[in-house]
Amino acid sequence: MVGALALTCAGLVLHASSEARNARGALARNASLVRRLALTDLCLCTEANYTRHLSMADLSAPFQDSPLSLEHFPSGALVEPPVHLLEKNP
């Protein structure tokens, strides 16, 4: 039983490494295309502009109704605030 488990784990590692090697070419082509077309961030969600393109959203967009309003888009709960807002001020 342990031998079969070890053999399965070794097979998974070999498969993952071969897939990573095969994906390098496609990743390089995609990176070249992104640079050539000057694309922005990946569109994560389609609900609101501040969850669609995180780097292009203004800081007050989630609170456009009221500063104390609750998040009414489910995707807003999946996106963390930027790191600089989580740091404690000295």
Protein backbone atom coordinates (compact mmCIF):
# COMPACT_ATOMS: atom_id res chain seq x y z
CA MET A 1 0.00 0.00 0.00
CA VAL A 2 2.78 2.45 0.93
CA GLY A 3 4.69 1.53 -2.22
CA ALA A 4 1.67 2.30 -4.40
CA LEU A 5 1.22 5.63 -2.67
CA ALA A 6 4.90 6.52 -3.15
CA LEU A 7 4.70 5.49 -6.81
CA THR A 8 1.60 7.65 -7.31
CA CYS A 9 3.26 10.65 -5.66
CA ALA A 10 6.36 10.22 -7.82
CA GLY A 11 4.16 10.03 -10.92
CA LEU A 12 2.37 13.23 -9.93
CA VAL A 13 5.67 15.06 -9.44
CA LEU A 14 6.99 13.89 -12.81
CA HIS A 15 3.75 14.85 -14.56
CA ALA A 16 3.74 18.32 -12.96
CA SER A 17 7.33 19.00 -13.95
CA SER A 18 6.74 17.94 -17.56
CA GLU A 19 3.61 20.09 -17.78
CA ALA A 20 5.52 23.09 -16.39
CA ARG A 21 8.25 22.58 -19.01
CA ASN A 22 5.64 22.38 -21.78
CA ALA A 23 3.83 25.51 -20.58
CA ARG A 24 6.93 27.76 -20.62
CA GLY A 25 6.65 28.41 -24.37
CA ALA A 26 2.97 29.34 -24.18
CA LEU A 27 3.62 31.57 -21.18
CA ALA A 28 6.41 33.40 -23.01
CA ARG A 29 4.15 33.92 -26.07
CA ASN A 30 1.35 35.25 -23.87
CA ALA A 31 3.73 37.62 -22.07
CA SER A 32 4.98 38.91 -25.41
CA LEU A 33 1.41 39.48 -26.59
CA VAL A 34 0.52 41.36 -23.40
CA ARG A 35 3.55 43.65 -23.80
CA ARG A 36 2.88 44.24 -27.51
CA LEU A 37 -0.81 45.10 -26.98
CA ALA A 38 -0.15 47.00 -23.73
CA LEU A 39 -2.92 45.13 -21.93
CA THR A 40 -3.92 46.03 -18.39
CA ASP A 41 -4.69 43.71 -15.50
CA LEU A 42 -6.73 40.58 -15.78
CA CYS A 43 -10.47 41.18 -15.46
CA LEU A 44 -11.34 39.19 -12.33
CA CYS A 45 -15.06 39.87 -11.93
CA THR A 46 -17.72 41.52 -14.03
CA GLU A 47 -19.84 43.02 -11.28
CA ALA A 48 -18.39 46.41 -10.37
CA ASN A 49 -15.61 48.56 -11.74
CA TYR A 50 -13.54 48.29 -8.57
CA THR A 51 -13.58 44.47 -8.73
CA ARG A 52 -13.11 44.34 -12.49
CA HIS A 53 -9.72 46.07 -12.73
CA LEU A 54 -8.15 46.35 -9.29
CA SER A 55 -5.28 48.65 -10.23
CA MET A 56 -7.52 51.11 -12.04
CA ALA A 57 -10.20 51.57 -9.37
CA ASP A 58 -10.40 54.73 -7.32
CA LEU A 59 -10.22 54.31 -3.55
CA SER A 60 -13.76 55.50 -2.84
CA ALA A 61 -15.51 53.29 -5.41
CA PRO A 62 -16.65 50.58 -2.94
CA PHE A 63 -18.20 53.30 -0.76
CA GLN A 64 -19.96 55.27 -3.46
CA ASP A 65 -23.34 54.90 -1.78
CA SER A 66 -22.18 55.72 1.73
CA PRO A 67 -18.90 55.45 3.66
CA LEU A 68 -20.56 52.98 6.04
CA SER A 69 -22.47 50.99 3.42
CA LEU A 70 -22.06 47.24 3.27
CA GLU A 71 -20.46 45.52 0.33
CA HIS A 72 -23.27 44.42 -1.96
CA PHE A 73 -21.23 42.60 -4.60
CA PRO A 74 -20.10 39.07 -3.66
CA SER A 75 -16.76 39.48 -5.41
CA GLY A 76 -15.85 42.37 -3.13
CA ALA A 77 -15.52 39.87 -0.30
CA LEU A 78 -12.90 37.90 -2.26
CA VAL A 79 -10.56 40.81 -2.94
CA GLU A 80 -8.24 41.87 -0.14
CA PRO A 81 -7.36 45.51 0.47
CA PRO A 82 -3.95 46.69 -0.76
CA VAL A 83 -1.03 45.83 1.53
CA HIS A 84 -0.23 49.46 2.33
CA LEU A 85 -3.69 49.87 3.86
CA LEU A 86 -3.19 46.85 6.11
CA GLU A 87 0.11 48.11 7.58
CA LYS A 88 -0.06 49.72 10.99
CA ASN A 89 0.95 53.37 11.15
CA PRO A 90 3.80 54.01 13.62
